[in-house]
């Protein structure tokens, strides 16, 4: 059995178009579709969306947080360390 590898980007949901293949009427073929995972998309915000999100000033009234920048950095470092160590 001969294998032909074609790769294409899907242009319309649920549709794949194959053409110009070296196959002839009456010939049997088997088609196997291997699907690659969709790339992760990162959510981005405009400045206005970020200001309206409620994230800005979230620690404003916390008396246990003296310096928001230091707290954020320590929190980020702690989370990254946990991800690396499992």
C-alpha atoms as a PDB file:
ATOM      1  CA  UNK A   1       0.000   0.000   0.000  1.00  0.00           C
ATOM      2  CA  UNK A   2       1.327   3.452  -0.908  1.00  0.00           C
ATOM      3  CA  UNK A   3       0.988   6.365   1.542  1.00  0.00           C
ATOM      4  CA  UNK A   4       0.444   9.970   0.525  1.00  0.00           C
ATOM      5  CA  UNK A   5       0.777  12.649   3.151  1.00  0.00           C
ATOM      6  CA  UNK A   6      -1.137  15.889   2.717  1.00  0.00           C
ATOM      7  CA  UNK A   7      -1.298  18.675   5.249  1.00  0.00           C
ATOM      8  CA  UNK A   8      -3.697  21.574   5.047  1.00  0.00           C
ATOM      9  CA  UNK A   9      -5.387  24.129   7.240  1.00  0.00           C
ATOM     10  CA  UNK A  10      -9.118  23.704   7.570  1.00  0.00           C
ATOM     11  CA  UNK A  11     -10.874  26.638   5.941  1.00  0.00           C
ATOM     12  CA  UNK A  12     -14.443  25.694   6.855  1.00  0.00           C
ATOM     13  CA  UNK A  13     -15.573  23.694   9.901  1.00  0.00           C
ATOM     14  CA  UNK A  14     -16.058  19.983   9.219  1.00  0.00           C
ATOM     15  CA  UNK A  15     -14.762  20.096   5.629  1.00  0.00           C
ATOM     16  CA  UNK A  16     -11.647  18.626   4.042  1.00  0.00           C
ATOM     17  CA  UNK A  17     -11.062  18.852   0.293  1.00  0.00           C
ATOM     18  CA  UNK A  18      -8.750  16.407  -1.455  1.00  0.00           C
ATOM     19  CA  UNK A  19      -7.934  16.743  -5.125  1.00  0.00           C
ATOM     20  CA  UNK A  20      -5.245  15.959  -7.699  1.00  0.00           C
ATOM     21  CA  UNK A  21      -4.424  12.631  -6.066  1.00  0.00           C
ATOM     22  CA  UNK A  22      -2.821   9.823  -8.072  1.00  0.00           C
ATOM     23  CA  UNK A  23      -5.875   7.560  -7.682  1.00  0.00           C
ATOM     24  CA  UNK A  24      -8.170   6.123 -10.313  1.00  0.00           C
ATOM     25  CA  UNK A  25     -11.783   5.095 -10.634  1.00  0.00           C
ATOM     26  CA  UNK A  26     -12.400   1.711  -9.019  1.00  0.00           C
ATOM     27  CA  UNK A  27      -9.259   1.868  -6.897  1.00  0.00           C
ATOM     28  CA  UNK A  28      -9.793   1.378  -3.154  1.00  0.00           C
ATOM     29  CA  UNK A  29      -8.342   3.934  -0.749  1.00  0.00           C
ATOM     30  CA  UNK A  30      -8.289   4.358   3.000  1.00  0.00           C
ATOM     31  CA  UNK A  31      -8.297   7.828   4.535  1.00  0.00           C
ATOM     32  CA  UNK A  32      -6.983   8.426   8.045  1.00  0.00           C
ATOM     33  CA  UNK A  33      -7.361  11.927   9.484  1.00  0.00           C
ATOM     34  CA  UNK A  34      -4.836  12.997  12.127  1.00  0.00           C
ATOM     35  CA  UNK A  35      -5.876  16.172  13.897  1.00  0.00           C
ATOM     36  CA  UNK A  36      -3.314  18.438  15.527  1.00  0.00           C
ATOM     37  CA  UNK A  37      -4.374  20.320  18.660  1.00  0.00           C
ATOM     38  CA  UNK A  38      -5.565  23.866  18.245  1.00  0.00           C
ATOM     39  CA  UNK A  39      -3.003  26.438  19.297  1.00  0.00           C
ATOM     40  CA  UNK A  40      -3.697  28.026  22.644  1.00  0.00           C
ATOM     41  CA  UNK A  41      -4.990  31.525  22.372  1.00  0.00           C
ATOM     42  CA  UNK A  42      -4.051  34.080  24.941  1.00  0.00           C
ATOM     43  CA  UNK A  43      -6.717  36.469  26.097  1.00  0.00           C
ATOM     44  CA  UNK A  44      -5.575  40.043  25.676  1.00  0.00           C
ATOM     45  CA  UNK A  45      -7.216  43.116  27.105  1.00  0.00           C
ATOM     46  CA  UNK A  46      -7.273  46.693  25.966  1.00  0.00           C
ATOM     47  CA  UNK A  47      -6.337  49.265  28.595  1.00  0.00           C
ATOM     48  CA  UNK A  48     -10.012  50.180  28.976  1.00  0.00           C
ATOM     49  CA  UNK A  49     -11.041  46.532  29.429  1.00  0.00           C
ATOM     50  CA  UNK A  50      -8.312  46.066  32.028  1.00  0.00           C
ATOM     51  CA  UNK A  51      -9.418  49.170  33.928  1.00  0.00           C
ATOM     52  CA  UNK A  52     -13.036  47.955  33.862  1.00  0.00           C
ATOM     53  CA  UNK A  53     -12.151  44.361  34.820  1.00  0.00           C
ATOM     54  CA  UNK A  54     -11.964  44.970  38.548  1.00  0.00           C
ATOM     55  CA  UNK A  55      -8.349  43.769  38.667  1.00  0.00           C
ATOM     56  CA  UNK A  56      -6.907  47.234  39.092  1.00  0.00           C
ATOM     57  CA  UNK A  57      -6.968  48.129  42.789  1.00  0.00           C
ATOM     58  CA  UNK A  58      -8.027  44.674  43.934  1.00  0.00           C
ATOM     59  CA  UNK A  59      -5.579  44.871  46.875  1.00  0.00           C
ATOM     60  CA  UNK A  60      -6.257  48.538  47.630  1.00  0.00           C
ATOM     61  CA  UNK A  61      -8.029  48.006  50.955  1.00  0.00           C
ATOM     62  CA  UNK A  62      -5.986  45.019  52.157  1.00  0.00           C
ATOM     63  CA  UNK A  63      -4.223  45.968  55.397  1.00  0.00           C
ATOM     64  CA  UNK A  64      -2.003  42.855  55.275  1.00  0.00           C
ATOM     65  CA  UNK A  65      -0.386  43.980  51.998  1.00  0.00           C
ATOM     66  CA  UNK A  66       1.980  46.903  52.511  1.00  0.00           C
ATOM     67  CA  UNK A  67       3.545  46.970  49.016  1.00  0.00           C
ATOM     68  CA  UNK A  68       1.421  45.693  46.122  1.00  0.00           C
ATOM     69  CA  UNK A  69       4.361  45.353  43.709  1.00  0.00           C
ATOM     70  CA  UNK A  70       6.384  43.241  46.156  1.00  0.00           C
ATOM     71  CA  UNK A  71       3.334  41.143  47.009  1.00  0.00           C
ATOM     72  CA  UNK A  72       2.566  40.524  43.321  1.00  0.00           C
ATOM     73  CA  UNK A  73       6.179  39.576  42.577  1.00  0.00           C
ATOM     74  CA  UNK A  74       6.328  37.168  45.531  1.00  0.00           C
ATOM     75  CA  UNK A  75       2.983  35.643  44.592  1.00  0.00           C
ATOM     76  CA  UNK A  76       4.107  35.176  40.974  1.00  0.00           C
ATOM     77  CA  UNK A  77       7.435  33.638  42.060  1.00  0.00           C
ATOM     78  CA  UNK A  78       5.626  31.271  44.431  1.00  0.00           C
ATOM     79  CA  UNK A  79       3.203  30.144  41.683  1.00  0.00           C
ATOM     80  CA  UNK A  80       6.009  29.594  39.164  1.00  0.00           C
ATOM     81  CA  UNK A  81       8.010  27.569  41.704  1.00  0.00           C
ATOM     82  CA  UNK A  82       4.971  25.362  42.376  1.00  0.00           C
ATOM     83  CA  UNK A  83       4.496  24.781  38.625  1.00  0.00           C
ATOM     84  CA  UNK A  84       8.143  23.779  38.165  1.00  0.00           C
ATOM     85  CA  UNK A  85       8.148  21.429  41.142  1.00  0.00           C
ATOM     86  CA  UNK A  86       4.834  19.818  40.326  1.00  0.00           C
END
